[in-house]
Amino acid sequence: GWALAGSLARVGQVARALEEREGVWVGQGG
């Protein structure tokens, strides 16, 4: 449970950082 939650959190962190950097919403761009 904790490993999967941690993996999802890391995915979310990188996706959000890409979103902020590229100016597009999650699910688009990078």
mmCIF file of all heavy atoms, coordinates in Angstrom:
data_MODEL
# 
_entry.id   MODEL 
# 
loop_
_atom_site.group_PDB 
_atom_site.id 
_atom_site.type_symbol 
_atom_site.label_atom_id 
_atom_site.label_alt_id 
_atom_site.label_comp_id 
_atom_site.label_asym_id 
_atom_site.label_entity_id 
_atom_site.label_seq_id 
_atom_site.pdbx_PDB_ins_code 
_atom_site.Cartn_x 
_atom_site.Cartn_y 
_atom_site.Cartn_z 
_atom_site.occupancy 
_atom_site.B_iso_or_equiv 
_atom_site.pdbx_formal_charge 
_atom_site.auth_seq_id 
_atom_site.auth_comp_id 
_atom_site.auth_asym_id 
_atom_site.auth_atom_id 
_atom_site.pdbx_PDB_model_num 
ATOM 1   N N   . GLY A 1 1  ? 0.816  -1.219 0.000   1.00 0.00 ? 1  GLY A N   1 
ATOM 2   C CA  . GLY A 1 1  ? 0.000  0.000  0.000   1.00 0.00 ? 1  GLY A CA  1 
ATOM 3   C C   . GLY A 1 1  ? 0.843  1.261  0.000   1.00 0.00 ? 1  GLY A C   1 
ATOM 4   O O   . GLY A 1 1  ? 0.633  2.167  -0.811  1.00 0.00 ? 1  GLY A O   1 
ATOM 5   N N   . TRP A 1 2  ? 1.839  1.306  0.889   1.00 0.00 ? 2  TRP A N   1 
ATOM 6   C CA  . TRP A 1 2  ? 2.678  2.498  0.970   1.00 0.00 ? 2  TRP A CA  1 
ATOM 7   C C   . TRP A 1 2  ? 3.567  2.646  -0.253  1.00 0.00 ? 2  TRP A C   1 
ATOM 8   O O   . TRP A 1 2  ? 3.806  3.758  -0.731  1.00 0.00 ? 2  TRP A O   1 
ATOM 9   C CB  . TRP A 1 2  ? 3.498  2.503  2.261   1.00 0.00 ? 2  TRP A CB  1 
ATOM 10  C CG  . TRP A 1 2  ? 2.635  2.757  3.451   1.00 0.00 ? 2  TRP A CG  1 
ATOM 11  C CD1 . TRP A 1 2  ? 2.272  1.855  4.405   1.00 0.00 ? 2  TRP A CD1 1 
ATOM 12  C CD2 . TRP A 1 2  ? 1.990  3.975  3.789   1.00 0.00 ? 2  TRP A CD2 1 
ATOM 13  N NE1 . TRP A 1 2  ? 1.430  2.449  5.321   1.00 0.00 ? 2  TRP A NE1 1 
ATOM 14  C CE2 . TRP A 1 2  ? 1.250  3.749  4.971   1.00 0.00 ? 2  TRP A CE2 1 
ATOM 15  C CE3 . TRP A 1 2  ? 1.946  5.234  3.214   1.00 0.00 ? 2  TRP A CE3 1 
ATOM 16  C CZ2 . TRP A 1 2  ? 0.486  4.741  5.581   1.00 0.00 ? 2  TRP A CZ2 1 
ATOM 17  C CZ3 . TRP A 1 2  ? 1.190  6.226  3.825   1.00 0.00 ? 2  TRP A CZ3 1 
ATOM 18  C CH2 . TRP A 1 2  ? 0.471  5.977  4.990   1.00 0.00 ? 2  TRP A CH2 1 
ATOM 19  N N   . ALA A 1 3  ? 4.067  1.536  -0.791  1.00 0.00 ? 3  ALA A N   1 
ATOM 20  C CA  . ALA A 1 3  ? 4.912  1.614  -1.994  1.00 0.00 ? 3  ALA A CA  1 
ATOM 21  C C   . ALA A 1 3  ? 4.114  2.134  -3.183  1.00 0.00 ? 3  ALA A C   1 
ATOM 22  O O   . ALA A 1 3  ? 4.587  2.997  -3.936  1.00 0.00 ? 3  ALA A O   1 
ATOM 23  C CB  . ALA A 1 3  ? 5.504  0.243  -2.309  1.00 0.00 ? 3  ALA A CB  1 
ATOM 24  N N   . LEU A 1 4  ? 2.900  1.629  -3.369  1.00 0.00 ? 4  LEU A N   1 
ATOM 25  C CA  . LEU A 1 4  ? 2.063  2.090  -4.481  1.00 0.00 ? 4  LEU A CA  1 
ATOM 26  C C   . LEU A 1 4  ? 1.655  3.546  -4.295  1.00 0.00 ? 4  LEU A C   1 
ATOM 27  O O   . LEU A 1 4  ? 1.675  4.327  -5.246  1.00 0.00 ? 4  LEU A O   1 
ATOM 28  C CB  . LEU A 1 4  ? 0.831  1.192  -4.632  1.00 0.00 ? 4  LEU A CB  1 
ATOM 29  C CG  . LEU A 1 4  ? 1.114  -0.201 -5.177  1.00 0.00 ? 4  LEU A CG  1 
ATOM 30  C CD1 . LEU A 1 4  ? -0.115 -1.095 -5.013  1.00 0.00 ? 4  LEU A CD1 1 
ATOM 31  C CD2 . LEU A 1 4  ? 1.553  -0.150 -6.625  1.00 0.00 ? 4  LEU A CD2 1 
ATOM 32  N N   . ALA A 1 5  ? 1.303  3.926  -3.068  1.00 0.00 ? 5  ALA A N   1 
ATOM 33  C CA  . ALA A 1 5  ? 0.946  5.324  -2.804  1.00 0.00 ? 5  ALA A CA  1 
ATOM 34  C C   . ALA A 1 5  ? 2.143  6.239  -3.067  1.00 0.00 ? 5  ALA A C   1 
ATOM 35  O O   . ALA A 1 5  ? 1.996  7.319  -3.649  1.00 0.00 ? 5  ALA A O   1 
ATOM 36  C CB  . ALA A 1 5  ? 0.447  5.484  -1.366  1.00 0.00 ? 5  ALA A CB  1 
ATOM 37  N N   . GLY A 1 6  ? 3.326  5.806  -2.660  1.00 0.00 ? 6  GLY A N   1 
ATOM 38  C CA  . GLY A 1 6  ? 4.527  6.593  -2.912  1.00 0.00 ? 6  GLY A CA  1 
ATOM 39  C C   . GLY A 1 6  ? 4.812  6.737  -4.392  1.00 0.00 ? 6  GLY A C   1 
ATOM 40  O O   . GLY A 1 6  ? 5.179  7.813  -4.872  1.00 0.00 ? 6  GLY A O   1 
ATOM 41  N N   . SER A 1 7  ? 4.620  5.659  -5.130  1.00 0.00 ? 7  SER A N   1 
ATOM 42  C CA  . SER A 1 7  ? 4.826  5.707  -6.577  1.00 0.00 ? 7  SER A CA  1 
ATOM 43  C C   . SER A 1 7  ? 3.839  6.662  -7.233  1.00 0.00 ? 7  SER A C   1 
ATOM 44  O O   . SER A 1 7  ? 4.210  7.473  -8.081  1.00 0.00 ? 7  SER A O   1 
ATOM 45  C CB  . SER A 1 7  ? 4.687  4.294  -7.162  1.00 0.00 ? 7  SER A CB  1 
ATOM 46  O OG  . SER A 1 7  ? 4.983  4.295  -8.525  1.00 0.00 ? 7  SER A OG  1 
ATOM 47  N N   . LEU A 1 8  ? 2.580  6.585  -6.834  1.00 0.00 ? 8  LEU A N   1 
ATOM 48  C CA  . LEU A 1 8  ? 1.568  7.503  -7.373  1.00 0.00 ? 8  LEU A CA  1 
ATOM 49  C C   . LEU A 1 8  ? 1.892  8.953  -7.012  1.00 0.00 ? 8  LEU A C   1 
ATOM 50  O O   . LEU A 1 8  ? 1.717  9.852  -7.833  1.00 0.00 ? 8  LEU A O   1 
ATOM 51  C CB  . LEU A 1 8  ? 0.181  7.127  -6.854  1.00 0.00 ? 8  LEU A CB  1 
ATOM 52  C CG  . LEU A 1 8  ? -0.429 5.872  -7.444  1.00 0.00 ? 8  LEU A CG  1 
ATOM 53  C CD1 . LEU A 1 8  ? -1.637 5.437  -6.628  1.00 0.00 ? 8  LEU A CD1 1 
ATOM 54  C CD2 . LEU A 1 8  ? -0.809 6.074  -8.900  1.00 0.00 ? 8  LEU A CD2 1 
ATOM 55  N N   . ALA A 1 9  ? 2.343  9.176  -5.782  1.00 0.00 ? 9  ALA A N   1 
ATOM 56  C CA  . ALA A 1 9  ? 2.695  10.537 -5.363  1.00 0.00 ? 9  ALA A CA  1 
ATOM 57  C C   . ALA A 1 9  ? 3.842  11.079 -6.213  1.00 0.00 ? 9  ALA A C   1 
ATOM 58  O O   . ALA A 1 9  ? 3.815  12.236 -6.640  1.00 0.00 ? 9  ALA A O   1 
ATOM 59  C CB  . ALA A 1 9  ? 3.076  10.555 -3.883  1.00 0.00 ? 9  ALA A CB  1 
ATOM 60  N N   . ARG A 1 10 ? 4.839  10.246 -6.492  1.00 0.00 ? 10 ARG A N   1 
ATOM 61  C CA  . ARG A 1 10 ? 5.964  10.676 -7.319  1.00 0.00 ? 10 ARG A CA  1 
ATOM 62  C C   . ARG A 1 10 ? 5.504  10.980 -8.745  1.00 0.00 ? 10 ARG A C   1 
ATOM 63  O O   . ARG A 1 10 ? 5.929  11.970 -9.335  1.00 0.00 ? 10 ARG A O   1 
ATOM 64  C CB  . ARG A 1 10 ? 7.067  9.621  -7.305  1.00 0.00 ? 10 ARG A CB  1 
ATOM 65  C CG  . ARG A 1 10 ? 7.793  9.539  -5.964  1.00 0.00 ? 10 ARG A CG  1 
ATOM 66  C CD  . ARG A 1 10 ? 8.738  8.353  -5.889  1.00 0.00 ? 10 ARG A CD  1 
ATOM 67  N NE  . ARG A 1 10 ? 9.858  8.462  -6.791  1.00 0.00 ? 10 ARG A NE  1 
ATOM 68  C CZ  . ARG A 1 10 ? 11.016 9.061  -6.506  1.00 0.00 ? 10 ARG A CZ  1 
ATOM 69  N NH1 . ARG A 1 10 ? 11.203 9.601  -5.322  1.00 0.00 ? 10 ARG A NH1 1 
ATOM 70  N NH2 . ARG A 1 10 ? 11.979 9.103  -7.396  1.00 0.00 ? 10 ARG A NH2 1 
ATOM 71  N N   . VAL A 1 11 ? 4.627  10.145 -9.292  1.00 0.00 ? 11 VAL A N   1 
ATOM 72  C CA  . VAL A 1 11 ? 4.069  10.413 -10.625 1.00 0.00 ? 11 VAL A CA  1 
ATOM 73  C C   . VAL A 1 11 ? 3.363  11.767 -10.603 1.00 0.00 ? 11 VAL A C   1 
ATOM 74  O O   . VAL A 1 11 ? 3.550  12.596 -11.497 1.00 0.00 ? 11 VAL A O   1 
ATOM 75  C CB  . VAL A 1 11 ? 3.098  9.298  -11.076 1.00 0.00 ? 11 VAL A CB  1 
ATOM 76  C CG1 . VAL A 1 11 ? 2.283  9.734  -12.285 1.00 0.00 ? 11 VAL A CG1 1 
ATOM 77  C CG2 . VAL A 1 11 ? 3.861  8.015  -11.382 1.00 0.00 ? 11 VAL A CG2 1 
ATOM 78  N N   . GLY A 1 12 ? 2.548  11.999 -9.582  1.00 0.00 ? 12 GLY A N   1 
ATOM 79  C CA  . GLY A 1 12 ? 1.822  13.264 -9.470  1.00 0.00 ? 12 GLY A CA  1 
ATOM 80  C C   . GLY A 1 12 ? 2.744  14.465 -9.344  1.00 0.00 ? 12 GLY A C   1 
ATOM 81  O O   . GLY A 1 12 ? 2.496  15.515 -9.950  1.00 0.00 ? 12 GLY A O   1 
ATOM 82  N N   . GLN A 1 13 ? 3.806  14.323 -8.576  1.00 0.00 ? 13 GLN A N   1 
ATOM 83  C CA  . GLN A 1 13 ? 4.756  15.434 -8.412  1.00 0.00 ? 13 GLN A CA  1 
ATOM 84  C C   . GLN A 1 13 ? 5.416  15.798 -9.740  1.00 0.00 ? 13 GLN A C   1 
ATOM 85  O O   . GLN A 1 13 ? 5.514  16.973 -10.080 1.00 0.00 ? 13 GLN A O   1 
ATOM 86  C CB  . GLN A 1 13 ? 5.835  15.056 -7.394  1.00 0.00 ? 13 GLN A CB  1 
ATOM 87  C CG  . GLN A 1 13 ? 5.363  15.058 -5.960  1.00 0.00 ? 13 GLN A CG  1 
ATOM 88  C CD  . GLN A 1 13 ? 6.491  14.639 -5.040  1.00 0.00 ? 13 GLN A CD  1 
ATOM 89  O OE1 . GLN A 1 13 ? 6.893  13.483 -5.031  1.00 0.00 ? 13 GLN A OE1 1 
ATOM 90  N NE2 . GLN A 1 13 ? 7.002  15.602 -4.275  1.00 0.00 ? 13 GLN A NE2 1 
ATOM 91  N N   . VAL A 1 14 ? 5.868  14.796 -10.476 1.00 0.00 ? 14 VAL A N   1 
ATOM 92  C CA  . VAL A 1 14 ? 6.553  15.075 -11.739 1.00 0.00 ? 14 VAL A CA  1 
ATOM 93  C C   . VAL A 1 14 ? 5.559  15.623 -12.761 1.00 0.00 ? 14 VAL A C   1 
ATOM 94  O O   . VAL A 1 14 ? 5.858  16.573 -13.486 1.00 0.00 ? 14 VAL A O   1 
ATOM 95  C CB  . VAL A 1 14 ? 7.276  13.822 -12.281 1.00 0.00 ? 14 VAL A CB  1 
ATOM 96  C CG1 . VAL A 1 14 ? 7.950  14.121 -13.615 1.00 0.00 ? 14 VAL A CG1 1 
ATOM 97  C CG2 . VAL A 1 14 ? 8.306  13.318 -11.280 1.00 0.00 ? 14 VAL A CG2 1 
ATOM 98  N N   . ALA A 1 15 ? 4.354  15.027 -12.821 1.00 0.00 ? 15 ALA A N   1 
ATOM 99  C CA  . ALA A 1 15 ? 3.335  15.502 -13.764 1.00 0.00 ? 15 ALA A CA  1 
ATOM 100 C C   . ALA A 1 15 ? 2.978  16.961 -13.475 1.00 0.00 ? 15 ALA A C   1 
ATOM 101 O O   . ALA A 1 15 ? 2.854  17.774 -14.387 1.00 0.00 ? 15 ALA A O   1 
ATOM 102 C CB  . ALA A 1 15 ? 2.093  14.620 -13.696 1.00 0.00 ? 15 ALA A CB  1 
ATOM 103 N N   . ARG A 1 16 ? 2.826  17.296 -12.198 1.00 0.00 ? 16 ARG A N   1 
ATOM 104 C CA  . ARG A 1 16 ? 2.499  18.678 -11.822 1.00 0.00 ? 16 ARG A CA  1 
ATOM 105 C C   . ARG A 1 16 ? 3.649  19.621 -12.172 1.00 0.00 ? 16 ARG A C   1 
ATOM 106 O O   . ARG A 1 16 ? 3.430  20.717 -12.674 1.00 0.00 ? 16 ARG A O   1 
ATOM 107 C CB  . ARG A 1 16 ? 2.179  18.773 -10.339 1.00 0.00 ? 16 ARG A CB  1 
ATOM 108 C CG  . ARG A 1 16 ? 1.968  20.168 -9.869  1.00 0.00 ? 16 ARG A CG  1 
ATOM 109 C CD  . ARG A 1 16 ? 0.663  20.558 -9.288  1.00 0.00 ? 16 ARG A CD  1 
ATOM 110 N NE  . ARG A 1 16 ? -0.319 19.564 -9.061  1.00 0.00 ? 16 ARG A NE  1 
ATOM 111 C CZ  . ARG A 1 16 ? -1.492 19.538 -9.687  1.00 0.00 ? 16 ARG A CZ  1 
ATOM 112 N NH1 . ARG A 1 16 ? -1.776 20.453 -10.581 1.00 0.00 ? 16 ARG A NH1 1 
ATOM 113 N NH2 . ARG A 1 16 ? -2.389 18.630 -9.418  1.00 0.00 ? 16 ARG A NH2 1 
ATOM 114 N N   . ALA A 1 17 ? 4.878  19.207 -11.915 1.00 0.00 ? 17 ALA A N   1 
ATOM 115 C CA  . ALA A 1 17 ? 6.037  20.047 -12.255 1.00 0.00 ? 17 ALA A CA  1 
ATOM 116 C C   . ALA A 1 17 ? 6.113  20.273 -13.764 1.00 0.00 ? 17 ALA A C   1 
ATOM 117 O O   . ALA A 1 17 ? 6.387  21.389 -14.212 1.00 0.00 ? 17 ALA A O   1 
ATOM 118 C CB  . ALA A 1 17 ? 7.325  19.400 -11.741 1.00 0.00 ? 17 ALA A CB  1 
ATOM 119 N N   . LEU A 1 18 ? 5.839  19.227 -14.543 1.00 0.00 ? 18 LEU A N   1 
ATOM 120 C CA  . LEU A 1 18 ? 5.812  19.387 -16.000 1.00 0.00 ? 18 LEU A CA  1 
ATOM 121 C C   . LEU A 1 18 ? 4.685  20.314 -16.423 1.00 0.00 ? 18 LEU A C   1 
ATOM 122 O O   . LEU A 1 18 ? 4.854  21.156 -17.308 1.00 0.00 ? 18 LEU A O   1 
ATOM 123 C CB  . LEU A 1 18 ? 5.632  18.026 -16.685 1.00 0.00 ? 18 LEU A CB  1 
ATOM 124 C CG  . LEU A 1 18 ? 6.894  17.242 -16.984 1.00 0.00 ? 18 LEU A CG  1 
ATOM 125 C CD1 . LEU A 1 18 ? 6.552  15.845 -17.470 1.00 0.00 ? 18 LEU A CD1 1 
ATOM 126 C CD2 . LEU A 1 18 ? 7.752  17.960 -18.001 1.00 0.00 ? 18 LEU A CD2 1 
ATOM 127 N N   . GLU A 1 19 ? 3.540  20.164 -15.783 1.00 0.00 ? 19 GLU A N   1 
ATOM 128 C CA  . GLU A 1 19 ? 2.386  21.020 -16.086 1.00 0.00 ? 19 GLU A CA  1 
ATOM 129 C C   . GLU A 1 19 ? 2.734  22.487 -15.844 1.00 0.00 ? 19 GLU A C   1 
ATOM 130 O O   . GLU A 1 19 ? 2.464  23.348 -16.679 1.00 0.00 ? 19 GLU A O   1 
ATOM 131 C CB  . GLU A 1 19 ? 1.209  20.592 -15.203 1.00 0.00 ? 19 GLU A CB  1 
ATOM 132 C CG  . GLU A 1 19 ? 0.008  21.495 -15.264 1.00 0.00 ? 19 GLU A CG  1 
ATOM 133 C CD  . GLU A 1 19 ? -1.034 21.125 -14.222 1.00 0.00 ? 19 GLU A CD  1 
ATOM 134 O OE1 . GLU A 1 19 ? -0.940 20.054 -13.617 1.00 0.00 ? 19 GLU A OE1 1 
ATOM 135 O OE2 . GLU A 1 19 ? -1.948 21.940 -14.020 1.00 0.00 ? 19 GLU A OE2 1 
ATOM 136 N N   . GLU A 1 20 ? 3.360  22.761 -14.706 1.00 0.00 ? 20 GLU A N   1 
ATOM 137 C CA  . GLU A 1 20 ? 3.721  24.142 -14.382 1.00 0.00 ? 20 GLU A CA  1 
ATOM 138 C C   . GLU A 1 20 ? 4.765  24.687 -15.345 1.00 0.00 ? 20 GLU A C   1 
ATOM 139 O O   . GLU A 1 20 ? 4.702  25.833 -15.761 1.00 0.00 ? 20 GLU A O   1 
ATOM 140 C CB  . GLU A 1 20 ? 4.238  24.213 -12.941 1.00 0.00 ? 20 GLU A CB  1 
ATOM 141 C CG  . GLU A 1 20 ? 3.159  23.996 -11.914 1.00 0.00 ? 20 GLU A CG  1 
ATOM 142 C CD  . GLU A 1 20 ? 3.704  23.830 -10.506 1.00 0.00 ? 20 GLU A CD  1 
ATOM 143 O OE1 . GLU A 1 20 ? 4.946  23.883 -10.307 1.00 0.00 ? 20 GLU A OE1 1 
ATOM 144 O OE2 . GLU A 1 20 ? 2.889  23.623 -9.596  1.00 0.00 ? 20 GLU A OE2 1 
ATOM 145 N N   . ARG A 1 21 ? 5.705  23.853 -15.710 1.00 0.00 ? 21 ARG A N   1 
ATOM 146 C CA  . ARG A 1 21 ? 6.779  24.290 -16.583 1.00 0.00 ? 21 ARG A CA  1 
ATOM 147 C C   . ARG A 1 21 ? 6.298  24.501 -18.012 1.00 0.00 ? 21 ARG A C   1 
ATOM 148 O O   . ARG A 1 21 ? 6.729  25.426 -18.681 1.00 0.00 ? 21 ARG A O   1 
ATOM 149 C CB  . ARG A 1 21 ? 7.910  23.264 -16.557 1.00 0.00 ? 21 ARG A CB  1 
ATOM 150 C CG  . ARG A 1 21 ? 9.167  23.801 -17.169 1.00 0.00 ? 21 ARG A CG  1 
ATOM 151 C CD  . ARG A 1 21 ? 10.341 22.951 -16.888 1.00 0.00 ? 21 ARG A CD  1 
ATOM 152 N NE  . ARG A 1 21 ? 10.748 23.078 -15.494 1.00 0.00 ? 21 ARG A NE  1 
ATOM 153 C CZ  . ARG A 1 21 ? 11.745 22.410 -14.968 1.00 0.00 ? 21 ARG A CZ  1 
ATOM 154 N NH1 . ARG A 1 21 ? 12.424 21.574 -15.701 1.00 0.00 ? 21 ARG A NH1 1 
ATOM 155 N NH2 . ARG A 1 21 ? 12.075 22.574 -13.718 1.00 0.00 ? 21 ARG A NH2 1 
ATOM 156 N N   . GLU A 1 22 ? 5.415  23.628 -18.495 1.00 0.00 ? 22 GLU A N   1 
ATOM 157 C CA  . GLU A 1 22 ? 4.974  23.698 -19.887 1.00 0.00 ? 22 GLU A CA  1 
ATOM 158 C C   . GLU A 1 22 ? 3.701  24.519 -20.066 1.00 0.00 ? 22 GLU A C   1 
ATOM 159 O O   . GLU A 1 22 ? 3.316  24.803 -21.191 1.00 0.00 ? 22 GLU A O   1 
ATOM 160 C CB  . GLU A 1 22 ? 4.757  22.286 -20.435 1.00 0.00 ? 22 GLU A CB  1 
ATOM 161 C CG  . GLU A 1 22 ? 6.042  21.489 -20.516 1.00 0.00 ? 22 GLU A CG  1 
ATOM 162 C CD  . GLU A 1 22 ? 5.844  20.093 -21.067 1.00 0.00 ? 22 GLU A CD  1 
ATOM 163 O OE1 . GLU A 1 22 ? 4.709  19.579 -21.015 1.00 0.00 ? 22 GLU A OE1 1 
ATOM 164 O OE2 . GLU A 1 22 ? 6.826  19.533 -21.566 1.00 0.00 ? 22 GLU A OE2 1 
ATOM 165 N N   . GLY A 1 23 ? 3.038  24.839 -18.973 1.00 0.00 ? 23 GLY A N   1 
ATOM 166 C CA  . GLY A 1 23 ? 1.836  25.650 -19.066 1.00 0.00 ? 23 GLY A CA  1 
ATOM 167 C C   . GLY A 1 23 ? 0.637  24.923 -19.655 1.00 0.00 ? 23 GLY A C   1 
ATOM 168 O O   . GLY A 1 23 ? -0.250 25.548 -20.218 1.00 0.00 ? 23 GLY A O   1 
ATOM 169 N N   . VAL A 1 24 ? 0.609  23.604 -19.551 1.00 0.00 ? 24 VAL A N   1 
ATOM 170 C CA  . VAL A 1 24 ? -0.541 22.823 -20.010 1.00 0.00 ? 24 VAL A CA  1 
ATOM 171 C C   . VAL A 1 24 ? -1.039 21.974 -18.856 1.00 0.00 ? 24 VAL A C   1 
ATOM 172 O O   . VAL A 1 24 ? -0.306 21.705 -17.911 1.00 0.00 ? 24 VAL A O   1 
ATOM 173 C CB  . VAL A 1 24 ? -0.190 21.904 -21.215 1.00 0.00 ? 24 VAL A CB  1 
ATOM 174 C CG1 . VAL A 1 24 ? 0.202  22.727 -22.415 1.00 0.00 ? 24 VAL A CG1 1 
ATOM 175 C CG2 . VAL A 1 24 ? 0.912  20.926 -20.865 1.00 0.00 ? 24 VAL A CG2 1 
ATOM 176 N N   . TRP A 1 25 ? -2.290 21.546 -18.929 1.00 0.00 ? 25 TRP A N   1 
ATOM 177 C CA  . TRP A 1 25 ? -2.830 20.741 -17.845 1.00 0.00 ? 25 TRP A CA  1 
ATOM 178 C C   . TRP A 1 25 ? -2.373 19.296 -17.964 1.00 0.00 ? 25 TRP A C   1 
ATOM 179 O O   . TRP A 1 25 ? -1.996 18.817 -19.013 1.00 0.00 ? 25 TRP A O   1 
ATOM 180 C CB  . TRP A 1 25 ? -4.352 20.850 -17.757 1.00 0.00 ? 25 TRP A CB  1 
ATOM 181 C CG  . TRP A 1 25 ? -5.070 20.407 -19.001 1.00 0.00 ? 25 TRP A CG  1 
ATOM 182 C CD1 . TRP A 1 25 ? -5.520 19.158 -19.288 1.00 0.00 ? 25 TRP A CD1 1 
ATOM 183 C CD2 . TRP A 1 25 ? -5.428 21.213 -20.106 1.00 0.00 ? 25 TRP A CD2 1 
ATOM 184 N NE1 . TRP A 1 25 ? -6.125 19.126 -20.507 1.00 0.00 ? 25 TRP A NE1 1 
ATOM 185 C CE2 . TRP A 1 25 ? -6.085 20.385 -21.036 1.00 0.00 ? 25 TRP A CE2 1 
ATOM 186 C CE3 . TRP A 1 25 ? -5.249 22.558 -20.427 1.00 0.00 ? 25 TRP A CE3 1 
ATOM 187 C CZ2 . TRP A 1 25 ? -6.561 20.851 -22.249 1.00 0.00 ? 25 TRP A CZ2 1 
ATOM 188 C CZ3 . TRP A 1 25 ? -5.737 23.010 -21.635 1.00 0.00 ? 25 TRP A CZ3 1 
ATOM 189 C CH2 . TRP A 1 25 ? -6.376 22.177 -22.524 1.00 0.00 ? 25 TRP A CH2 1 
ATOM 190 N N   . VAL A 1 26 ? -2.431 18.596 -16.823 1.00 0.00 ? 26 VAL A N   1 
ATOM 191 C CA  . VAL A 1 26 ? -2.016 17.203 -16.777 1.00 0.00 ? 26 VAL A CA  1 
ATOM 192 C C   . VAL A 1 26 ? -2.833 16.408 -17.782 1.00 0.00 ? 26 VAL A C   1 
ATOM 193 O O   . VAL A 1 26 ? -4.030 16.582 -17.908 1.00 0.00 ? 26 VAL A O   1 
ATOM 194 C CB  . VAL A 1 26 ? -2.203 16.637 -15.352 1.00 0.00 ? 26 VAL A CB  1 
ATOM 195 C CG1 . VAL A 1 26 ? -1.945 15.141 -15.322 1.00 0.00 ? 26 VAL A CG1 1 
ATOM 196 C CG2 . VAL A 1 26 ? -1.265 17.344 -14.391 1.00 0.00 ? 26 VAL A CG2 1 
ATOM 197 N N   . GLY A 1 27 ? -2.180 15.528 -18.505 1.00 0.00 ? 27 GLY A N   1 
ATOM 198 C CA  . GLY A 1 27 ? -2.851 14.736 -19.536 1.00 0.00 ? 27 GLY A CA  1 
ATOM 199 C C   . GLY A 1 27 ? -2.520 15.255 -20.926 1.00 0.00 ? 27 GLY A C   1 
ATOM 200 O O   . GLY A 1 27 ? -2.945 14.690 -21.916 1.00 0.00 ? 27 GLY A O   1 
ATOM 201 N N   . GLN A 1 28 ? -1.780 16.328 -20.993 1.00 0.00 ? 28 GLN A N   1 
ATOM 202 C CA  . GLN A 1 28 ? -1.373 16.890 -22.275 1.00 0.00 ? 28 GLN A CA  1 
ATOM 203 C C   . GLN A 1 28 ? 0.125  17.110 -22.237 1.00 0.00 ? 28 GLN A C   1 
ATOM 204 O O   . GLN A 1 28 ? 0.766  16.929 -21.215 1.00 0.00 ? 28 GLN A O   1 
ATOM 205 C CB  . GLN A 1 28 ? -2.092 18.217 -22.507 1.00 0.00 ? 28 GLN A CB  1 
ATOM 206 C CG  . GLN A 1 28 ? -3.580 18.090 -22.468 1.00 0.00 ? 28 GLN A CG  1 
ATOM 207 C CD  . GLN A 1 28 ? -4.213 18.642 -23.714 1.00 0.00 ? 28 GLN A CD  1 
ATOM 208 O OE1 . GLN A 1 28 ? -3.708 19.561 -24.315 1.00 0.00 ? 28 GLN A OE1 1 
ATOM 209 N NE2 . GLN A 1 28 ? -5.319 18.076 -24.087 1.00 0.00 ? 28 GLN A NE2 1 
ATOM 210 N N   . GLY A 1 29 ? 0.676  17.516 -23.342 1.00 0.00 ? 29 GLY A N   1 
ATOM 211 C CA  . GLY A 1 29 ? 2.094  17.857 -23.395 1.00 0.00 ? 29 GLY A CA  1 
ATOM 212 C C   . GLY A 1 29 ? 2.994  16.711 -22.972 1.00 0.00 ? 29 GLY A C   1 
ATOM 213 O O   . GLY A 1 29 ? 2.843  15.581 -23.405 1.00 0.00 ? 29 GLY A O   1 
ATOM 214 N N   . GLY A 1 30 ? 3.953  17.006 -22.087 1.00 0.00 ? 30 GLY A N   1 
ATOM 215 C CA  . GLY A 1 30 ? 4.933  16.028 -21.654 1.00 0.00 ? 30 GLY A CA  1 
ATOM 216 C C   . GLY A 1 30 ? 4.335  14.838 -20.947 1.00 0.00 ? 30 GLY A C   1 
ATOM 217 O O   . GLY A 1 30 ? 4.824  13.718 -21.067 1.00 0.00 ? 30 GLY A O   1 
# 
